[in-house]
Protein backbone atom coordinates (compact mmCIF):
# COMPACT_ATOMS: atom_id res chain seq x y z
CA MET A 1 -1.54 -13.15 0.08
CA ASN A 2 -5.29 -13.61 0.55
CA THR A 3 -6.18 -14.64 4.08
CA ASP A 4 -9.72 -13.27 4.26
CA LEU A 5 -11.60 -16.48 3.55
CA VAL A 6 -15.31 -17.02 3.28
CA GLU A 7 -16.62 -18.96 6.26
CA LYS A 8 -18.74 -21.50 4.45
CA GLU A 9 -15.90 -22.58 2.22
CA LEU A 10 -13.44 -22.75 5.12
CA SER A 11 -15.84 -24.81 7.21
CA MET A 12 -16.44 -27.28 4.39
CA GLU A 13 -12.74 -27.78 3.60
CA LEU A 14 -11.61 -28.19 7.20
CA LYS A 15 -14.37 -30.63 7.97
CA ARG A 16 -13.26 -32.76 5.03
CA LEU A 17 -9.85 -32.92 6.72
CA GLY A 18 -11.50 -34.46 9.77
CA MET A 19 -11.84 -31.39 12.00
CA VAL A 20 -15.55 -31.84 12.49
CA ASN A 21 -15.95 -29.51 15.45
CA PHE A 22 -13.24 -27.05 14.46
CA LEU A 23 -15.55 -24.18 13.56
CA ASN A 24 -18.44 -24.87 15.90
CA GLN A 25 -17.87 -21.62 17.76
CA TYR A 26 -17.01 -19.61 14.65
CA HIS A 27 -19.70 -17.54 13.02
CA SER A 28 -18.28 -14.80 10.78
CA LEU A 29 -15.14 -13.36 9.22
CA ASP A 30 -14.28 -9.71 9.58
CA LEU A 31 -12.59 -8.51 6.40
CA GLU A 32 -10.28 -6.31 8.45
CA THR A 33 -8.69 -9.25 10.29
CA PRO A 34 -6.93 -12.11 8.47
CA GLY A 35 -9.25 -15.09 8.80
CA TYR A 36 -6.57 -17.56 9.85
CA LEU A 37 -5.64 -15.46 12.87
CA LYS A 38 -9.17 -15.78 14.18
CA ILE A 39 -9.19 -19.49 13.44
CA LEU A 40 -6.09 -19.92 15.59
CA SER A 41 -8.06 -18.73 18.61
CA ILE A 42 -10.98 -21.16 18.18
CA ARG A 43 -11.31 -23.80 20.87
CA ASN A 44 -13.61 -26.78 21.35
CA ASP A 45 -14.03 -29.67 23.78
CA THR A 46 -12.40 -32.29 21.53
CA MET A 47 -8.94 -30.68 21.51
CA ASP A 48 -6.04 -32.20 23.37
CA SER A 49 -4.35 -30.17 26.09
CA THR A 50 -1.17 -29.60 24.05
CA LEU A 51 -3.13 -28.04 21.21
CA LEU A 52 -4.93 -25.81 23.70
CA GLU A 53 -1.58 -24.73 25.10
CA GLY A 54 -0.49 -23.82 21.59
CA ILE A 55 -3.57 -21.65 21.10
CA LYS A 56 -2.96 -19.92 24.45
CA ALA A 57 0.69 -19.27 23.55
CA PHE A 58 -0.33 -17.72 20.24
CA GLN A 59 -2.86 -15.45 21.95
CA GLU A 60 -0.07 -14.35 24.33
CA LYS A 61 2.20 -13.65 21.30
CA LYS A 62 4.58 -16.42 22.30
CA TYR A 63 4.83 -17.62 18.74
CA GLU A 64 7.78 -20.00 19.09
CA ASP A 65 6.06 -21.68 22.03
CA ALA A 66 2.88 -21.99 19.99
CA LEU A 67 4.79 -23.70 17.19
CA SER A 68 6.39 -26.11 19.68
CA PHE A 69 3.01 -27.05 21.18
CA PHE A 70 1.52 -27.60 17.75
CA ASP A 71 4.43 -29.84 16.82
CA LYS A 72 3.86 -31.93 19.96
CA SER A 73 0.14 -32.14 19.31
CA ALA A 74 0.80 -33.26 15.74
CA GLN A 75 2.94 -36.14 17.03
CA TYR A 76 0.45 -37.57 19.50
CA ALA A 77 -3.06 -36.52 18.39
CA ASN A 78 -5.40 -39.00 16.70
CA ASN A 79 -6.02 -36.41 14.00
CA PRO A 80 -2.84 -34.36 13.57
CA ALA A 81 -4.15 -32.27 10.65
CA ASP A 82 -5.56 -29.65 13.04
CA ALA A 83 -2.18 -29.05 14.65
CA PHE A 84 -0.31 -29.04 11.35
CA LEU A 85 -2.73 -26.54 9.84
CA ARG A 86 -2.46 -24.23 12.83
CA LYS A 87 1.31 -24.46 12.62
CA GLY A 88 1.11 -23.41 8.99
CA PHE A 89 -1.10 -20.47 9.90
CA VAL A 90 1.37 -19.25 12.54
CA LEU A 91 4.29 -19.53 10.13
CA GLU A 92 2.33 -17.50 7.56
CA PHE A 93 1.59 -14.91 10.19
CA LEU A 94 5.31 -14.66 10.98
CA GLY A 95 6.16 -14.32 7.31
CA ARG A 96 8.08 -17.62 7.34
CA PHE A 97 6.57 -18.65 4.06
CA ASP A 98 9.15 -21.36 3.17
CA GLU A 99 8.40 -23.20 6.37
CA ALA A 100 4.65 -22.77 5.97
CA LEU A 101 4.93 -24.14 2.46
CA ALA A 102 6.71 -27.26 3.76
CA VAL A 103 3.91 -27.82 6.28
CA TYR A 104 1.17 -27.51 3.65
CA ARG A 105 3.08 -29.70 1.17
CA PHE A 106 3.30 -32.37 3.87
CA LEU A 107 -0.43 -32.21 4.50
CA ASN A 108 -1.18 -32.38 0.81
CA GLU A 109 0.97 -35.49 0.39
CA LYS A 110 -1.24 -37.22 2.96
CA GLN A 111 -4.44 -36.19 1.23
CA GLN A 112 -4.76 -33.93 -1.76
CA ASP A 113 -7.23 -31.28 -0.78
CA ALA A 114 -8.65 -28.14 -2.38
CA TYR A 115 -8.19 -26.02 0.73
CA ILE A 116 -4.57 -27.03 1.23
CA TYR A 117 -3.84 -26.22 -2.42
CA GLN A 118 -5.37 -22.84 -1.71
CA ARG A 119 -3.11 -22.26 1.27
CA ILE A 120 -0.12 -23.28 -0.83
CA SER A 121 -1.12 -20.78 -3.51
CA GLY A 122 -1.30 -18.00 -0.92
CA VAL A 123 2.12 -18.83 0.53
CA LEU A 124 3.64 -18.87 -2.94
CA ILE A 125 2.36 -15.30 -3.45
CA GLY A 126 4.20 -14.38 -0.27
CA LEU A 127 7.34 -15.90 -1.83
CA ASP A 128 6.80 -14.00 -5.15
CA PHE A 129 6.27 -17.24 -7.07
CA PHE A 130 3.24 -16.02 -8.97
CA GLU A 131 3.10 -18.50 -11.86
CA GLU A 132 3.45 -21.36 -9.37
CA SER A 133 0.71 -19.82 -7.24
CA ILE A 134 -1.64 -19.75 -10.22
CA TYR A 135 -0.98 -23.44 -10.86
CA GLU A 136 -1.80 -24.33 -7.23
CA SER A 137 -4.95 -22.22 -7.33
CA SER A 138 -6.00 -24.07 -10.48
CA GLU A 139 -5.43 -27.39 -8.68
CA SER A 140 -7.66 -26.17 -5.85
CA ILE A 141 -10.35 -25.17 -8.30
CA ARG A 142 -10.03 -28.50 -10.10
CA LEU A 143 -10.93 -30.28 -6.87
CA ASN A 144 -13.54 -27.73 -5.83
CA SER A 145 -14.99 -25.46 -8.50
CA SER A 146 -16.44 -23.24 -5.76
CA ALA A 147 -13.11 -22.64 -4.00
CA ILE A 148 -13.54 -18.92 -3.44
CA GLY A 149 -10.17 -18.40 -1.79
CA ALA A 150 -8.40 -20.08 -4.69
CA TYR A 151 -10.05 -17.74 -7.22
CA SER A 152 -9.08 -14.80 -5.04
CA ASN A 153 -5.45 -15.93 -4.77
CA ARG A 154 -5.43 -16.49 -8.51
CA GLY A 155 -6.58 -12.88 -9.01
CA ILE A 156 -3.79 -11.59 -6.74
CA ALA A 157 -1.09 -13.59 -8.56
CA LEU A 158 -2.38 -12.49 -11.99
CA SER A 159 -2.35 -8.85 -10.93
CA TYR A 160 1.27 -9.13 -9.81
CA LEU A 161 2.09 -10.47 -13.26
CA GLY A 162 0.35 -7.55 -14.93
CA ARG A 163 -2.46 -9.70 -16.27
CA TYR A 164 -5.13 -7.36 -15.00
CA GLU A 165 -8.10 -8.34 -17.16
CA GLU A 166 -7.59 -11.99 -16.21
CA ALA A 167 -7.40 -10.95 -12.55
CA LEU A 168 -10.73 -9.20 -12.89
CA VAL A 169 -12.25 -12.41 -14.27
CA SER A 170 -11.06 -14.23 -11.13
CA TYR A 171 -12.53 -11.63 -8.80
CA ASP A 172 -15.78 -11.65 -10.77
CA ARG A 173 -15.88 -15.40 -10.28
CA VAL A 174 -15.55 -14.89 -6.50
CA ILE A 175 -18.45 -12.44 -6.64
CA ASN A 176 -20.56 -14.86 -8.68
CA LEU A 177 -19.95 -17.55 -6.05
CA ASP A 178 -20.57 -15.23 -3.16
CA PRO A 179 -22.20 -11.87 -4.00
CA SER A 180 -21.69 -10.79 -0.39
CA CYS A 181 -17.86 -10.98 -0.53
CA ALA A 182 -16.82 -7.40 0.05
CA LEU A 183 -13.11 -8.22 -0.21
CA ALA A 184 -13.53 -9.27 -3.86
CA TYR A 185 -15.09 -5.91 -4.68
CA ILE A 186 -12.16 -4.16 -2.95
CA GLN A 187 -9.57 -6.22 -4.85
CA ARG A 188 -11.45 -5.62 -8.07
CA GLY A 189 -11.59 -1.88 -7.40
CA VAL A 190 -7.85 -1.67 -6.73
CA ILE A 191 -7.02 -3.20 -10.09
CA LEU A 192 -9.50 -0.93 -11.88
CA ALA A 193 -8.01 2.18 -10.22
CA ASN A 194 -4.31 1.39 -9.89
CA ASP A 195 -3.64 -0.60 -13.02
CA LEU A 196 -6.41 0.06 -15.54
CA LYS A 197 -7.14 3.69 -14.59
CA ARG A 198 -10.87 3.00 -14.84
CA TYR A 199 -11.67 5.17 -11.86
CA GLU A 200 -15.47 5.42 -12.06
CA GLU A 201 -15.75 1.63 -12.26
CA ALA A 202 -13.38 1.38 -9.32
CA LEU A 203 -15.57 3.73 -7.29
CA ALA A 204 -18.58 1.58 -8.09
CA SER A 205 -16.72 -1.47 -6.75
CA PHE A 206 -15.68 0.31 -3.57
CA ASP A 207 -19.23 1.58 -3.07
CA ARG A 208 -20.53 -1.97 -3.32
CA ALA A 209 -17.92 -3.15 -0.83
CA ILE A 210 -19.01 -0.47 1.59
CA GLN A 211 -22.65 -1.49 1.20
CA LEU A 212 -21.65 -5.05 2.13
CA GLN A 213 -19.09 -4.12 4.79
CA PRO A 214 -19.86 -0.58 6.02
CA ASN A 215 -17.17 -0.81 8.74
CA SER A 216 -14.33 -1.72 6.38
CA PRO A 217 -11.52 0.85 6.73
CA ARG A 218 -9.90 -0.50 3.58
CA ALA A 219 -12.94 0.06 1.40
CA HIS A 220 -13.41 3.65 2.62
CA ALA A 221 -9.70 4.40 2.30
CA ASP A 222 -9.40 3.04 -1.24
CA ARG A 223 -12.50 4.99 -2.23
CA GLY A 224 -10.88 8.10 -0.83
CA GLY A 225 -7.62 7.39 -2.62
CA THR A 226 -9.47 7.03 -5.95
CA LEU A 227 -11.33 10.29 -5.37
CA ASN A 228 -7.95 11.91 -4.70
CA VAL A 229 -6.70 10.81 -8.12
CA LEU A 230 -9.81 12.34 -9.69
CA GLY A 231 -9.21 15.64 -7.93
CA ARG A 232 -12.38 15.31 -5.91
CA TYR A 233 -10.66 16.20 -2.68
CA GLN A 234 -13.64 17.21 -0.55
CA GLU A 235 -15.31 13.88 -1.22
CA ALA A 236 -12.02 12.09 -0.64
CA ILE A 237 -11.70 13.67 2.79
CA VAL A 238 -15.13 12.33 3.80
CA SER A 239 -14.11 8.76 2.88
CA LEU A 240 -10.66 8.99 4.37
CA ASP A 241 -12.00 10.48 7.63
CA LYS A 242 -14.37 7.53 7.85
CA ALA A 243 -11.52 5.06 7.31
CA ILE A 244 -9.48 6.76 10.08
CA ASP A 245 -12.49 6.83 12.43
CA LEU A 246 -12.73 3.05 11.98
CA ASP A 247 -8.97 2.55 12.30
CA PRO A 248 -7.08 5.49 13.84
CA ASN A 249 -3.73 3.82 13.08
CA TYR A 250 -4.39 3.46 9.32
CA LEU A 251 -1.24 5.27 8.15
CA TRP A 252 -1.97 4.94 4.42
CA ALA A 253 -5.37 6.62 4.93
CA LEU A 254 -3.71 9.37 7.00
CA THR A 255 -1.20 9.92 4.19
CA LYS A 256 -3.94 10.20 1.57
CA LEU A 257 -5.92 12.52 3.85
CA SER A 258 -2.79 14.69 4.09
CA GLU A 259 -2.61 14.83 0.29
CA SER A 260 -6.21 15.92 -0.01
CA LEU A 261 -5.67 18.65 2.59
CA LEU A 262 -2.48 19.78 0.86
CA TRP A 263 -4.06 20.19 -2.55
CA LEU A 264 -7.02 22.06 -1.01
CA GLY A 265 -4.60 24.45 0.67
CA ARG A 266 -5.53 23.35 4.20
CA TYR A 267 -1.91 23.25 5.26
CA GLU A 268 -2.23 23.36 9.02
CA GLU A 269 -4.53 20.35 9.01
CA ALA A 270 -2.24 18.56 6.60
CA ILE A 271 0.72 19.03 8.95
CA VAL A 272 -1.24 17.55 11.85
CA SER A 273 -1.96 14.41 9.78
CA LEU A 274 1.59 14.21 8.48
CA ASP A 275 3.06 14.48 11.96
CA LYS A 276 0.99 11.46 12.99
CA VAL A 277 2.37 9.48 10.07
CA ILE A 278 5.96 10.55 10.78
CA LYS A 279 5.63 9.39 14.37
CA GLU A 280 4.88 5.86 13.13
CA GLN A 281 6.93 5.94 9.92
CA PRO A 282 10.03 8.06 10.63
CA ASN A 283 11.80 6.65 7.56
CA ASN A 284 9.28 7.76 4.92
CA ALA A 285 10.91 10.44 2.75
CA LEU A 286 7.68 11.31 0.93
CA ILE A 287 5.93 12.28 4.16
CA TYR A 288 8.72 14.71 5.07
CA ALA A 289 8.50 16.18 1.56
CA TYR A 290 4.75 16.68 1.95
CA ARG A 291 5.28 18.36 5.30
CA GLY A 292 7.97 20.57 3.81
CA HIS A 293 5.59 21.68 1.08
CA ALA A 294 2.87 22.54 3.61
CA GLN A 295 5.35 24.50 5.73
CA PHE A 296 6.65 26.32 2.65
CA GLU A 297 3.14 27.40 1.70
CA LEU A 298 2.72 28.73 5.23
CA GLU A 299 5.95 30.72 4.73
CA ARG A 300 7.73 28.77 7.46
CA TYR A 301 10.80 28.43 5.29
CA GLU A 302 13.28 27.28 7.93
CA ARG A 303 10.95 24.51 9.06
CA ALA A 304 10.29 23.55 5.45
CA LEU A 305 14.03 23.38 4.89
CA ASP A 306 14.40 21.04 7.88
CA SER A 307 11.68 18.76 6.46
CA PHE A 308 13.23 18.59 3.01
CA ASP A 309 16.66 17.92 4.56
CA GLU A 310 15.13 14.98 6.45
CA ALA A 311 13.62 13.71 3.22
CA ILE A 312 17.04 13.88 1.51
CA LYS A 313 18.67 11.93 4.33
CA LEU A 314 16.19 9.14 3.54
CA ASN A 315 16.26 9.47 -0.24
CA SER A 316 19.30 11.29 -1.57
CA SER A 317 18.67 10.17 -5.15
CA ASP A 318 15.53 12.25 -5.70
CA TYR A 319 16.59 15.37 -7.59
CA PHE A 320 13.30 17.13 -6.84
CA LEU A 321 14.01 17.23 -3.11
CA TYR A 322 17.13 19.31 -3.79
CA TYR A 323 15.00 21.57 -5.97
CA CYS A 324 12.65 22.07 -3.00
CA VAL A 325 15.62 22.90 -0.75
CA ALA A 326 16.68 25.52 -3.32
CA GLU A 327 13.18 26.96 -3.29
CA CYS A 328 13.33 27.43 0.50
CA LEU A 329 16.81 28.91 0.42
CA SER A 330 15.78 31.33 -2.31
CA GLN A 331 12.90 32.59 -0.14
CA LEU A 332 15.41 33.05 2.67
CA LYS A 333 17.65 35.03 0.23
CA ARG A 334 20.40 32.45 0.58
CA TYR A 335 20.96 32.34 -3.14
CA LYS A 336 24.41 30.76 -3.13
CA GLY A 337 23.08 27.87 -1.04
CA ALA A 338 20.15 27.56 -3.45
CA ILE A 339 22.58 27.34 -6.39
CA LYS A 340 24.49 24.59 -4.62
CA ALA A 341 21.28 22.61 -4.07
CA LEU A 342 20.29 23.11 -7.74
CA ASN A 343 23.70 21.86 -8.85
CA GLN A 344 22.99 18.66 -6.93
CA ALA A 345 19.53 18.40 -8.56
CA LEU A 346 21.07 18.79 -12.02
CA THR A 347 23.78 16.22 -11.28
CA ILE A 348 21.01 13.72 -10.64
CA ASN A 349 18.75 14.93 -13.47
CA PRO A 350 20.64 17.00 -16.04
CA LYS A 351 17.53 17.44 -18.18
CA ASP A 352 15.36 19.23 -15.60
CA THR A 353 14.42 22.51 -17.17
CA GLU A 354 13.04 24.02 -13.99
CA SER A 355 16.30 23.50 -12.11
CA TYR A 356 18.20 25.36 -14.86
CA CYS A 357 15.68 28.18 -14.75
CA ALA A 358 15.76 28.38 -10.96
CA LYS A 359 19.55 28.48 -11.04
CA ALA A 360 19.47 31.30 -13.60
CA HIS A 361 16.97 33.16 -11.43
CA CYS A 362 19.27 32.88 -8.40
CA TYR A 363 22.19 34.30 -10.36
CA HIS A 364 19.96 37.18 -11.46
CA LEU A 365 19.05 37.89 -7.85
CA LEU A 366 22.76 37.91 -7.04
CA GLY A 367 23.21 40.60 -9.71
CA ASP A 368 24.98 38.34 -12.24
CA ASP A 369 22.73 38.58 -15.31
CA SER A 370 25.49 37.23 -17.56
CA GLU A 371 25.58 33.99 -15.63
CA ALA A 372 21.77 33.98 -15.44
CA LYS A 373 21.57 34.17 -19.24
CA LYS A 374 23.99 31.28 -19.53
CA TRP A 375 21.72 29.01 -17.45
CA TYR A 376 18.55 30.09 -19.23
CA LEU A 377 20.27 29.07 -22.45
CA LYS A 378 21.11 25.73 -20.83
CA ALA A 379 17.43 25.35 -20.05
CA LEU A 380 16.61 25.92 -23.72
CA GLU A 381 19.15 23.29 -24.71
CA SER A 382 17.34 20.79 -22.50
CA ASP A 383 13.94 21.85 -23.79
CA PRO A 384 14.33 23.73 -27.13
CA GLY A 385 10.62 24.40 -27.70
CA ASN A 386 9.90 25.85 -24.28
CA LYS A 387 8.37 29.30 -24.88
CA LYS A 388 8.25 30.05 -21.16
CA VAL A 389 12.06 29.78 -20.95
CA SER A 390 12.41 32.09 -23.94
CA SER A 391 10.31 34.65 -22.17
CA TYR A 392 12.60 34.44 -19.12
CA LEU A 393 15.53 35.45 -21.32
CA SER A 394 13.83 38.68 -22.25
CA GLY A 395 12.99 39.60 -18.67
CA PHE A 396 14.76 37.85 -15.80
CA ARG A 397 12.30 39.13 -13.22
CA ASP A 398 9.48 37.08 -14.74
CA TYR A 399 10.67 33.75 -13.37
CA ARG A 400 8.72 32.20 -10.53
CA PHE A 401 9.19 28.88 -8.80
CA PRO A 402 6.46 26.52 -10.08
CA SER A 403 2.99 26.35 -8.63
CA LYS A 404 1.66 23.59 -6.41
CA VAL A 405 0.19 21.98 -9.51
CA TYR A 406 3.76 21.24 -10.60
CA LEU A 407 4.67 20.14 -7.08
CA LYS A 408 1.71 17.79 -6.96
CA GLY A 409 2.85 16.11 -10.16
CA LYS A 410 6.31 15.55 -8.66
CA LEU A 411 5.26 14.47 -5.18
CA ALA A 412 1.90 12.68 -5.32
CA LYS A 413 1.75 8.90 -5.37
CA ASP A 414 -1.57 7.66 -6.66
CA ASP A 415 -1.38 3.92 -5.94
CA LEU A 416 -4.04 2.52 -3.64
CA SER A 417 -3.23 0.47 -0.56
CA GLU A 418 -2.35 -3.17 -1.05
């Protein structure tokens, strides 16, 4: 849902609803903070005491009290639209999109308005009603052809529907209306990188966003994530470090930084970053897998085994995690345990050639070359044209667990932040 609105549009729409002094003390929107949260804190001399109590309650994180005060203000104020709109904002903030939608529908029944249609379109995105959101955005644009937020919401909904080129058109329209809108360049860059794989164009969009909003953690992080995909890890680290400097709690940026450090072989530094992410996201299996890989490369096999075991507790359906466990156990010369882990991997993915080969290798190390041959032949059944497997059959000692290039392909997630 797009909540980073351009000030001039917001001011115009709210004034048309009768809130003449609503933005008198409001001067700029920071792309890193949802615009409506800042709006909720705006005060002016024309507000009734109940509305002011609602604002105070919101600032104190007493959200239910804030909603109650806004309800009371809406009942008794000469112009209740202010209170209703703030109530809708709070409900959006709480993720209570159905209730927010009811509030905005009520306001729109009183007076059809481009800005309210825009809020409705954003809430519908939160409810995963993307086609309906596009319709409401179109209604907003019909009433106000310069409704920047509506074009932005339309782009978001179109991207969820996989209509990426159309989404780009919407974001380009935002940029035409306001060339200084950094958020539109970020949204545009995400589609170019994530969905269209046009990475150089994506970088250009992120670079422009950074020119416009140099203190945007999101722009620096997404630039770093794109550089990661391109294998330009040193450059990625510079961008990701900048994002983390601006927002030390930016977990996605910390994760991408960990990836860059992993693939550069800077394992100690990667573990430091990964431990920070685990502290805040203890239920993220991928992060434990990354940490296990770093510990494995540092030959801390018991610790790596612990990390992969934690990952499996969180995601027992990923065959590759069992493969990683087998890799650790093999290094610890616990070959029977490794075979057991590989059996589990093959139960989940019976076509994984590497698991068959690793199992054969473990049997060879146990001195059972007859059984080893059997599993190399199984590997050939799963991948008949694999010359590497054929070479293993002629010399069991040649097998090695795959390199980190293989591991990167199995572990890395290239999507940018949302």
